[in-house]
């Protein structure tokens, strides 16, 4: 308790959030080392347990062990708790507990919530937390109920169907990417109902909590003048366009490879599912190692973008990508401002978008060079795929992760951690307290391009 108070007193909000996620990983590591977590006779190294803890807290899903063969039912329950912690967020969960026990939420806690959920203003953050927890739990409960009742036909008894239904719903909604089938969703390749439910849950988890809160407010509001925020419009439009574009590209490329010989509806659902799942979830309905190299590169691009801000996903985020593209389009037209949906985007957000993209590209490049040295038997495509999967907290894998060296595992853990806390928060945590310049030098133009 004294340690956390010390963090609150001395650290900036960004440093505090990063510190709390380190603490969450430490707690998760301890939970995954408890007696009875592993199946009898199964031994898991300390590094592999730490890797799973980081992957679960960051809701990534990359693993160096087979979950179904390694963890007992008790271990699976521990994984579910960690996934919930990672999805809801450290400050969200802490705030919700404080609210339950009647603790007053102070200014410092509100600042931390704002940072944890990428908010630009401090007002309304407590309401945001209440709505996030309520919406997430409601989605998971409905998803678990539907999947459990449907899985009765697949499993020998209701208890087994319940375990798979609850785990599947939470894994999909949190975009965790973990599975207890041992084969992701490959057993349901021909079951479009299971695929549709999972796609819906993945989307609800990745679209962004502010978007879901606004949709809920719209449905409850009888006022026809209700207006969605610019954030919701950009996020929803970008998410939808990337989904459609991803489905089209995967379908076209794999029609001559992995989808060859499939019926049109099998190919269409496979393309749709992997277009959505590559954004953050990591679940698969076919063996992704059968995809062509062109699709692997394209999926790496989708994983690099990731999900929306203030969601369960990672990556550079959809709004970052959208603002960067909009700026390029407007700049090519000779405009310096970005105008969309009858609104103008603040220039600071443009700066932040390009900072995030440049840092993310640099980080992926450095990580790629390191893994090319430490994993000499892996191809460049495999390495880039695993790296973008870790950074985008996706969890898709071409089979390289389980064979990584110790250095490779550490690099992947760092990428998953940064992908979860966000590049901006991670960067600010290194920079310390902000200092305003007391003076300015004369400005001068520089030749560009």
Protein backbone atom coordinates (compact mmCIF):
# COMPACT_ATOMS: atom_id res chain seq x y z
CA UNK A 1 0.00 0.00 0.00
CA UNK A 2 2.84 2.38 0.89
CA UNK A 3 4.54 1.53 -2.41
CA UNK A 4 1.49 2.51 -4.48
CA UNK A 5 1.08 5.73 -2.48
CA UNK A 6 4.71 6.52 -3.24
CA UNK A 7 4.06 5.99 -6.95
CA UNK A 8 1.02 8.27 -6.81
CA UNK A 9 2.95 11.00 -5.03
CA UNK A 10 6.19 11.05 -7.03
CA UNK A 11 5.32 9.78 -10.51
CA UNK A 12 3.56 11.51 -13.35
CA UNK A 13 0.18 10.01 -14.35
CA UNK A 14 1.84 8.27 -17.31
CA UNK A 15 4.62 6.82 -15.15
CA UNK A 16 2.06 5.70 -12.57
CA UNK A 17 -0.03 3.86 -15.18
CA UNK A 18 3.03 2.05 -16.57
CA UNK A 19 4.08 1.14 -13.01
CA UNK A 20 0.63 -0.22 -12.20
CA UNK A 21 0.71 -2.44 -15.30
CA UNK A 22 4.07 -3.79 -14.16
CA UNK A 23 2.45 -4.58 -10.80
CA UNK A 24 -0.49 -6.26 -12.59
CA UNK A 25 1.95 -8.45 -14.53
CA UNK A 26 3.75 -9.38 -11.30
CA UNK A 27 0.44 -10.35 -9.63
CA UNK A 28 -0.60 -12.32 -12.73
CA UNK A 29 2.73 -14.15 -12.73
CA UNK A 30 2.15 -15.20 -9.10
CA UNK A 31 -1.38 -16.38 -9.95
CA UNK A 32 -0.03 -18.53 -12.77
CA UNK A 33 2.51 -20.13 -10.39
CA UNK A 34 -0.06 -21.13 -7.75
CA UNK A 35 -0.35 -24.83 -6.86
CA UNK A 36 -2.95 -26.57 -9.02
CA UNK A 37 -2.73 -24.09 -11.89
CA UNK A 38 -0.94 -26.58 -14.14
CA UNK A 39 -2.11 -30.06 -15.01
CA UNK A 40 -0.43 -32.92 -13.09
CA UNK A 41 3.05 -33.65 -14.38
CA UNK A 42 3.29 -30.45 -16.43
CA UNK A 43 6.31 -28.23 -15.78
CA UNK A 44 6.40 -24.61 -16.95
CA UNK A 45 9.52 -22.47 -16.65
CA UNK A 46 9.47 -19.12 -14.85
CA UNK A 47 10.12 -17.28 -18.13
CA UNK A 48 7.25 -19.06 -19.88
CA UNK A 49 4.88 -18.24 -16.99
CA UNK A 50 5.97 -14.60 -17.18
CA UNK A 51 5.39 -14.63 -20.95
CA UNK A 52 1.84 -15.96 -20.45
CA UNK A 53 1.20 -13.37 -17.72
CA UNK A 54 2.31 -10.50 -19.97
CA UNK A 55 0.26 -11.91 -22.86
CA UNK A 56 -2.85 -12.18 -20.68
CA UNK A 57 -2.54 -8.73 -19.06
CA UNK A 58 -1.99 -7.19 -22.50
CA UNK A 59 -4.89 -9.36 -23.83
CA UNK A 60 -2.68 -10.54 -26.69
CA UNK A 61 -2.99 -14.32 -26.77
CA UNK A 62 0.51 -15.24 -27.94
CA UNK A 63 1.68 -18.27 -25.97
CA UNK A 64 4.77 -20.43 -25.71
CA UNK A 65 2.71 -23.32 -24.30
CA UNK A 66 -0.49 -25.07 -25.35
CA UNK A 67 -3.15 -23.72 -22.96
CA UNK A 68 -5.41 -26.80 -23.17
CA UNK A 69 -2.53 -29.18 -22.44
CA UNK A 70 -0.82 -27.03 -19.78
CA UNK A 71 -3.46 -25.50 -17.50
CA UNK A 72 -6.05 -27.15 -15.28
CA UNK A 73 -9.59 -25.82 -14.88
CA UNK A 74 -8.29 -23.77 -11.94
CA UNK A 75 -5.52 -22.40 -14.16
CA UNK A 76 -8.04 -21.52 -16.86
CA UNK A 77 -10.09 -19.59 -14.29
CA UNK A 78 -6.93 -17.69 -13.29
CA UNK A 79 -6.34 -16.85 -16.97
CA UNK A 80 -9.90 -15.54 -17.26
CA UNK A 81 -9.39 -13.27 -14.24
CA UNK A 82 -6.18 -11.90 -15.74
CA UNK A 83 -7.87 -11.33 -19.11
CA UNK A 84 -10.60 -9.35 -17.38
CA UNK A 85 -8.00 -7.29 -15.55
CA UNK A 86 -6.19 -6.54 -18.81
CA UNK A 87 -9.36 -5.75 -20.76
CA UNK A 88 -11.07 -3.48 -18.25
CA UNK A 89 -7.81 -1.76 -17.36
CA UNK A 90 -5.93 -1.34 -14.10
CA UNK A 91 -7.47 1.99 -13.12
CA UNK A 92 -10.95 0.99 -14.32
CA UNK A 93 -11.01 -2.09 -12.13
CA UNK A 94 -9.52 -0.25 -9.15
CA UNK A 95 -12.00 2.60 -9.52
CA UNK A 96 -14.94 0.22 -9.77
CA UNK A 97 -13.86 -1.51 -6.54
CA UNK A 98 -13.43 1.89 -4.85
CA UNK A 99 -16.95 2.85 -5.94
CA UNK A 100 -18.35 -0.40 -4.54
CA UNK A 101 -16.81 0.23 -1.12
CA UNK A 102 -17.84 3.89 -1.16
CA UNK A 103 -14.38 5.43 -1.52
CA UNK A 104 -14.26 8.96 -2.93
CA UNK A 105 -12.49 9.20 -6.29
CA UNK A 106 -9.96 12.01 -5.99
CA UNK A 107 -8.38 14.21 -8.64
CA UNK A 108 -5.25 12.03 -8.85
CA UNK A 109 -7.31 8.89 -9.55
CA UNK A 110 -9.29 10.76 -12.19
CA UNK A 111 -6.04 11.80 -13.91
CA UNK A 112 -4.88 8.18 -13.98
CA UNK A 113 -8.19 7.00 -15.44
CA UNK A 114 -7.91 9.69 -18.12
CA UNK A 115 -4.41 8.47 -19.07
CA UNK A 116 -5.36 4.78 -18.93
CA UNK A 117 -8.22 5.30 -21.40
CA UNK A 118 -6.60 7.92 -23.67
CA UNK A 119 -9.12 10.59 -22.69
CA UNK A 120 -8.44 14.26 -23.42
CA UNK A 121 -10.42 15.71 -20.51
CA UNK A 122 -10.82 14.77 -16.89
CA UNK A 123 -14.56 15.42 -16.56
CA UNK A 124 -16.81 12.39 -16.82
CA UNK A 125 -14.09 9.76 -16.33
CA UNK A 126 -15.81 8.09 -13.36
CA UNK A 127 -19.02 7.78 -15.38
CA UNK A 128 -16.89 6.31 -18.17
CA UNK A 129 -15.56 3.60 -15.84
CA UNK A 130 -19.04 2.66 -14.59
CA UNK A 131 -20.30 2.32 -18.15
CA UNK A 132 -17.24 0.37 -19.34
CA UNK A 133 -17.60 -2.25 -16.61
CA UNK A 134 -21.38 -2.56 -17.08
CA UNK A 135 -21.18 -2.81 -20.88
CA UNK A 136 -18.27 -5.25 -20.91
CA UNK A 137 -19.81 -7.59 -18.33
CA UNK A 138 -23.19 -7.47 -20.09
CA UNK A 139 -21.65 -8.35 -23.46
CA UNK A 140 -19.67 -11.21 -21.92
CA UNK A 141 -22.68 -12.61 -20.05
CA UNK A 142 -24.87 -12.59 -23.15
CA UNK A 143 -22.08 -14.06 -25.28
CA UNK A 144 -21.31 -16.77 -22.70
CA UNK A 145 -24.98 -17.72 -22.42
CA UNK A 146 -25.47 -17.99 -26.18
CA UNK A 147 -22.26 -19.96 -26.75
CA UNK A 148 -22.84 -22.28 -23.78
CA UNK A 149 -26.33 -23.23 -24.93
CA UNK A 150 -25.07 -23.75 -28.47
CA UNK A 151 -21.97 -25.74 -27.42
CA UNK A 152 -24.12 -28.38 -25.72
CA UNK A 153 -24.28 -30.16 -29.08
CA UNK A 154 -20.47 -30.22 -29.34
CA UNK A 155 -19.49 -31.45 -25.87
CA UNK A 156 -20.33 -34.48 -23.74
CA UNK A 157 -21.85 -32.60 -20.82
CA UNK A 158 -23.14 -29.17 -19.83
CA UNK A 159 -20.19 -28.48 -17.52
CA UNK A 160 -17.74 -28.76 -20.42
CA UNK A 161 -19.99 -26.68 -22.68
CA UNK A 162 -20.19 -24.02 -19.95
CA UNK A 163 -16.40 -23.88 -19.59
CA UNK A 164 -15.87 -23.47 -23.34
CA UNK A 165 -18.78 -21.03 -23.65
CA UNK A 166 -17.58 -18.73 -20.85
CA UNK A 167 -13.93 -18.87 -21.87
CA UNK A 168 -14.78 -18.36 -25.56
CA UNK A 169 -17.01 -15.36 -24.85
CA UNK A 170 -14.48 -13.65 -22.58
CA UNK A 171 -11.55 -14.42 -24.88
CA UNK A 172 -13.41 -12.99 -27.89
CA UNK A 173 -14.83 -9.91 -26.13
CA UNK A 174 -11.50 -9.01 -24.53
CA UNK A 175 -9.79 -9.81 -27.85
CA UNK A 176 -7.52 -12.03 -25.74
CA UNK A 177 -7.00 -14.63 -28.43
CA UNK A 178 -6.51 -17.48 -25.95
CA UNK A 179 -8.30 -20.77 -26.56
CA UNK A 180 -8.82 -24.02 -24.67
CA UNK A 181 -9.61 -26.14 -27.71
CA UNK A 182 -5.92 -26.42 -28.55
CA UNK A 183 -6.78 -25.41 -32.12
CA UNK A 184 -8.28 -21.92 -31.75
CA UNK A 185 -11.61 -21.95 -33.67
CA UNK A 186 -10.51 -24.47 -36.32
CA UNK A 187 -13.08 -27.01 -35.01
CA UNK A 188 -15.81 -24.49 -35.95
CA UNK A 189 -14.55 -23.71 -39.46
CA UNK A 190 -17.85 -24.80 -40.97
CA UNK A 191 -20.06 -23.42 -38.19
CA UNK A 192 -21.03 -19.92 -39.30
CA UNK A 193 -23.12 -19.27 -36.19
CA UNK A 194 -20.12 -19.66 -33.87
CA UNK A 195 -18.04 -17.53 -36.23
CA UNK A 196 -20.70 -14.81 -36.40
CA UNK A 197 -21.03 -14.65 -32.59
CA UNK A 198 -17.25 -14.44 -32.20
CA UNK A 199 -16.97 -11.71 -34.87
CA UNK A 200 -19.66 -9.70 -33.09
CA UNK A 201 -17.96 -10.09 -29.69
CA UNK A 202 -14.54 -9.19 -31.16
CA UNK A 203 -15.96 -6.07 -32.78
CA UNK A 204 -17.73 -4.92 -29.62
CA UNK A 205 -14.49 -5.29 -27.69
CA UNK A 206 -12.28 -3.57 -30.28
CA UNK A 207 -14.51 -0.73 -31.51
CA UNK A 208 -13.81 1.36 -28.39
CA UNK A 209 -15.74 1.81 -25.15
CA UNK A 210 -16.63 5.49 -25.83
CA UNK A 211 -18.30 4.36 -29.05
CA UNK A 212 -20.38 1.73 -27.23
CA UNK A 213 -21.33 4.27 -24.54
CA UNK A 214 -22.52 6.75 -27.18
CA UNK A 215 -24.51 4.05 -28.99
CA UNK A 216 -26.13 3.11 -25.67
CA UNK A 217 -26.94 6.77 -25.01
CA UNK A 218 -28.40 7.11 -28.51
CA UNK A 219 -30.66 4.08 -28.04
CA UNK A 220 -31.84 5.34 -24.65
CA UNK A 221 -32.26 8.95 -25.81
CA UNK A 222 -35.60 9.82 -27.34
CA UNK A 223 -34.26 13.17 -28.50
CA UNK A 224 -33.86 13.07 -32.29
CA UNK A 225 -31.19 15.79 -32.13
CA UNK A 226 -28.68 13.41 -30.54
CA UNK A 227 -25.26 13.91 -32.14
CA UNK A 228 -22.43 11.39 -32.20
CA UNK A 229 -18.97 12.73 -31.42
CA UNK A 230 -16.30 13.13 -34.08
CA UNK A 231 -14.33 10.36 -32.36
CA UNK A 232 -17.19 7.89 -32.75
CA UNK A 233 -17.75 8.81 -36.40
CA UNK A 234 -14.08 8.50 -37.36
CA UNK A 235 -13.58 5.32 -35.34
CA UNK A 236 -16.66 3.56 -36.71
CA UNK A 237 -16.01 4.60 -40.31
CA UNK A 238 -12.35 3.57 -40.16
CA UNK A 239 -13.12 0.25 -38.47
CA UNK A 240 -15.78 -0.57 -41.06
CA UNK A 241 -13.62 0.40 -44.05
CA UNK A 242 -10.64 -1.61 -42.79
CA UNK A 243 -12.93 -4.60 -42.23
CA UNK A 244 -14.39 -4.43 -45.75
CA UNK A 245 -11.00 -3.73 -47.34
CA UNK A 246 -9.39 -6.55 -45.36
CA UNK A 247 -12.11 -9.02 -46.32
CA UNK A 248 -11.77 -8.11 -50.01
CA UNK A 249 -7.95 -8.35 -50.08
CA UNK A 250 -7.77 -11.65 -48.18
CA UNK A 251 -10.54 -13.15 -50.32
CA UNK A 252 -8.84 -12.15 -53.58
CA UNK A 253 -5.34 -13.32 -52.60
CA UNK A 254 -6.34 -16.59 -50.96
CA UNK A 255 -8.78 -17.59 -53.69
CA UNK A 256 -5.67 -18.92 -55.43
CA UNK A 257 -4.13 -20.45 -52.28
CA UNK A 258 -5.73 -21.39 -48.92
CA UNK A 259 -9.33 -20.89 -50.15
CA UNK A 260 -8.81 -22.86 -53.33
CA UNK A 261 -11.34 -25.69 -53.41
CA UNK A 262 -13.58 -24.08 -50.76
CA UNK A 263 -17.19 -23.15 -51.43
CA UNK A 264 -17.86 -19.42 -51.88
CA UNK A 265 -19.46 -19.10 -48.43
CA UNK A 266 -16.57 -20.92 -46.70
CA UNK A 267 -14.07 -18.60 -48.38
CA UNK A 268 -16.18 -15.50 -47.67
CA UNK A 269 -16.60 -16.27 -43.95
CA UNK A 270 -12.91 -17.17 -43.62
CA UNK A 271 -11.91 -13.85 -45.21
CA UNK A 272 -14.35 -11.89 -43.01
CA UNK A 273 -13.29 -13.63 -39.83
CA UNK A 274 -9.57 -13.12 -40.32
CA UNK A 275 -10.06 -9.52 -41.41
CA UNK A 276 -11.75 -8.80 -38.06
CA UNK A 277 -9.57 -11.09 -35.95
CA UNK A 278 -6.31 -9.67 -37.31
CA UNK A 279 -7.18 -6.28 -35.88
CA UNK A 280 -6.67 -7.46 -32.30
CA UNK A 281 -8.31 -10.80 -31.47
CA UNK A 282 -5.95 -13.40 -32.93
CA UNK A 283 -8.52 -16.20 -33.14
CA UNK A 284 -8.43 -18.25 -36.35
CA UNK A 285 -10.78 -20.60 -38.18
CA UNK A 286 -8.12 -22.05 -40.49
CA UNK A 287 -4.40 -22.73 -40.13
CA UNK A 288 -2.82 -19.34 -40.91
CA UNK A 289 0.45 -21.03 -41.89
CA UNK A 290 -1.40 -22.08 -45.06
CA UNK A 291 -1.87 -18.44 -46.08
CA UNK A 292 0.35 -17.09 -48.83
CA UNK A 293 3.21 -14.77 -47.98
CA UNK A 294 1.28 -11.86 -49.50
CA UNK A 295 -1.58 -12.42 -47.04
CA UNK A 296 0.88 -12.75 -44.15
CA UNK A 297 2.28 -9.33 -45.01
CA UNK A 298 -1.22 -7.85 -45.33
CA UNK A 299 -2.31 -9.35 -41.99
CA UNK A 300 0.82 -7.83 -40.44
CA UNK A 301 -0.38 -4.44 -41.75
CA UNK A 302 -3.81 -4.94 -40.14
CA UNK A 303 -2.26 -6.05 -36.84
CA UNK A 304 0.05 -3.03 -36.89
CA UNK A 305 -3.00 -0.72 -37.10
CA UNK A 306 -4.82 -2.66 -34.41
CA UNK A 307 -8.06 -1.69 -32.69
CA UNK A 308 -9.62 1.59 -31.61
CA UNK A 309 -8.41 3.81 -28.74
CA UNK A 310 -9.91 3.10 -25.30
CA UNK A 311 -10.68 -0.48 -26.29
CA UNK A 312 -9.21 -3.87 -25.42
CA UNK A 313 -6.86 -3.78 -28.44
CA UNK A 314 -3.39 -2.46 -29.20
CA UNK A 315 -1.47 -1.28 -32.27
CA UNK A 316 -1.19 2.32 -33.43
CA UNK A 317 -5.04 2.45 -33.26
CA UNK A 318 -7.63 3.23 -35.92
CA UNK A 319 -7.88 6.98 -35.27
CA UNK A 320 -4.10 7.37 -35.61
CA UNK A 321 -4.22 5.65 -39.00
CA UNK A 322 -7.30 7.64 -40.10
CA UNK A 323 -5.85 11.04 -39.15
CA UNK A 324 -2.55 10.26 -40.90
CA UNK A 325 -4.35 9.26 -44.12
CA UNK A 326 -6.72 12.25 -43.95
CA UNK A 327 -3.76 14.60 -43.48
CA UNK A 328 -1.98 13.13 -46.52
CA UNK A 329 -5.11 13.52 -48.66
CA UNK A 330 -5.70 17.10 -47.55
CA UNK A 331 -2.03 18.02 -47.89
CA UNK A 332 -2.00 16.67 -51.46
CA UNK A 333 -4.95 18.96 -52.17
CA UNK A 334 -3.06 21.97 -50.83
CA UNK A 335 -4.96 22.16 -47.53
CA UNK A 336 -3.28 22.47 -44.16
CA UNK A 337 -6.43 21.69 -42.15
CA UNK A 338 -8.25 18.36 -41.85
CA UNK A 339 -12.00 18.85 -42.19
CA UNK A 340 -14.33 15.89 -41.85
CA UNK A 341 -17.95 15.40 -40.74
CA UNK A 342 -18.33 19.20 -40.52
CA UNK A 343 -15.57 19.38 -37.94
CA UNK A 344 -11.87 20.31 -38.00
CA UNK A 345 -9.25 18.08 -36.37
CA UNK A 346 -6.86 19.78 -33.98
CA UNK A 347 -3.28 20.05 -35.28
CA UNK A 348 -1.97 18.55 -32.00
CA UNK A 349 -3.77 15.30 -32.82
CA UNK A 350 -2.07 15.25 -36.22
CA UNK A 351 1.32 15.64 -34.53
CA UNK A 352 0.53 12.85 -32.06
CA UNK A 353 -0.60 10.54 -34.87
CA UNK A 354 2.65 10.89 -36.78
CA UNK A 355 4.72 10.56 -33.60
CA UNK A 356 2.95 7.27 -32.83
CA UNK A 357 3.43 5.95 -36.38
CA UNK A 358 7.11 6.91 -36.57
CA UNK A 359 7.84 5.40 -33.15
CA UNK A 360 5.89 2.24 -33.95
CA UNK A 361 7.71 1.73 -37.26
CA UNK A 362 11.07 2.33 -35.56
CA UNK A 363 10.20 -0.11 -32.77
CA UNK A 364 9.09 -2.82 -35.20
CA UNK A 365 12.25 -2.27 -37.27
CA UNK A 366 14.57 -2.57 -34.24
CA UNK A 367 12.71 -5.63 -32.93
CA UNK A 368 12.91 -7.23 -36.40
CA UNK A 369 16.67 -6.72 -36.59
CA UNK A 370 17.16 -8.21 -33.12
CA UNK A 371 15.03 -11.29 -33.88
CA UNK A 372 16.79 -11.81 -37.20
CA UNK A 373 19.95 -12.23 -35.12
CA UNK A 374 18.49 -14.30 -32.26
CA UNK A 375 16.20 -16.47 -34.45
CA UNK A 376 18.39 -17.34 -37.46
CA UNK A 377 16.11 -20.14 -38.70
CA UNK A 378 13.03 -17.88 -38.98
CA UNK A 379 12.14 -16.02 -42.18
CA UNK A 380 11.72 -12.26 -42.34
CA UNK A 381 7.98 -12.65 -42.96
CA UNK A 382 7.56 -14.88 -39.91
CA UNK A 383 9.43 -12.44 -37.69
CA UNK A 384 7.51 -9.36 -38.87
CA UNK A 385 4.24 -11.28 -38.49
CA UNK A 386 4.98 -12.26 -34.86
CA UNK A 387 6.26 -8.78 -33.98
CA UNK A 388 3.22 -6.94 -35.35
CA UNK A 389 0.99 -9.54 -33.68
CA UNK A 390 2.64 -8.76 -30.32
CA UNK A 391 2.55 -4.97 -30.78
CA UNK A 392 -1.04 -5.06 -32.01
CA UNK A 393 -1.90 -7.34 -29.04
CA UNK A 394 -3.44 -9.65 -31.61
CA UNK A 395 -2.07 -13.11 -30.90
CA UNK A 396 -2.01 -14.63 -34.37
CA UNK A 397 1.11 -16.72 -34.92
CA UNK A 398 2.87 -18.54 -37.73
CA UNK A 399 4.28 -20.92 -35.13
CA UNK A 400 7.44 -18.98 -34.32
CA UNK A 401 6.55 -17.74 -30.82
CA UNK A 402 6.73 -21.15 -29.12
CA UNK A 403 10.24 -21.67 -30.54
CA UNK A 404 11.68 -18.27 -29.59
CA UNK A 405 14.94 -17.93 -27.72
CA UNK A 406 14.98 -16.29 -24.28
CA UNK A 407 15.99 -12.95 -25.83
CA UNK A 408 13.23 -13.30 -28.42
CA UNK A 409 10.64 -13.91 -25.69
CA UNK A 410 11.80 -10.82 -23.78
CA UNK A 411 11.50 -8.68 -26.93
CA UNK A 412 7.98 -10.00 -27.56
CA UNK A 413 6.95 -9.33 -23.96
CA UNK A 414 8.16 -5.75 -24.25
CA UNK A 415 6.19 -5.29 -27.48
CA UNK A 416 3.01 -6.72 -25.93
CA UNK A 417 3.42 -4.46 -22.90
CA UNK A 418 3.91 -1.31 -25.00
CA UNK A 419 1.03 -2.31 -27.26
CA UNK A 420 -1.27 -2.53 -24.23
CA UNK A 421 -0.29 0.67 -22.37
CA UNK A 422 -0.02 2.63 -25.64
CA UNK A 423 2.95 4.29 -27.26
CA UNK A 424 2.03 7.79 -26.08
CA UNK A 425 1.73 6.70 -22.44
CA UNK A 426 4.95 4.69 -22.68
CA UNK A 427 6.82 7.60 -24.28
CA UNK A 428 5.55 10.13 -21.72
CA UNK A 429 6.48 7.75 -18.89
CA UNK A 430 10.11 7.93 -20.06
CA UNK A 431 10.08 11.70 -20.45
CA UNK A 432 9.15 12.66 -16.89
CA UNK A 433 7.15 15.76 -15.99
CA UNK A 434 6.30 18.17 -18.78
CA UNK A 435 8.12 21.50 -18.77
CA UNK A 436 6.93 24.54 -20.67
CA UNK A 437 9.50 26.63 -22.49
CA UNK A 438 10.07 30.03 -20.88
CA UNK A 439 11.22 31.57 -24.14
CA UNK A 440 11.10 31.01 -27.92
CA UNK A 441 13.69 31.51 -30.66
CA UNK A 442 12.88 33.24 -33.97
CA UNK A 443 11.18 30.89 -36.42
CA UNK A 444 12.79 30.04 -39.76
CA UNK A 445 11.58 27.95 -42.69
CA UNK A 446 13.43 24.80 -43.76
CA UNK A 447 13.36 23.27 -47.25
CA UNK A 448 11.45 19.97 -47.13
CA UNK A 449 11.33 17.19 -49.71
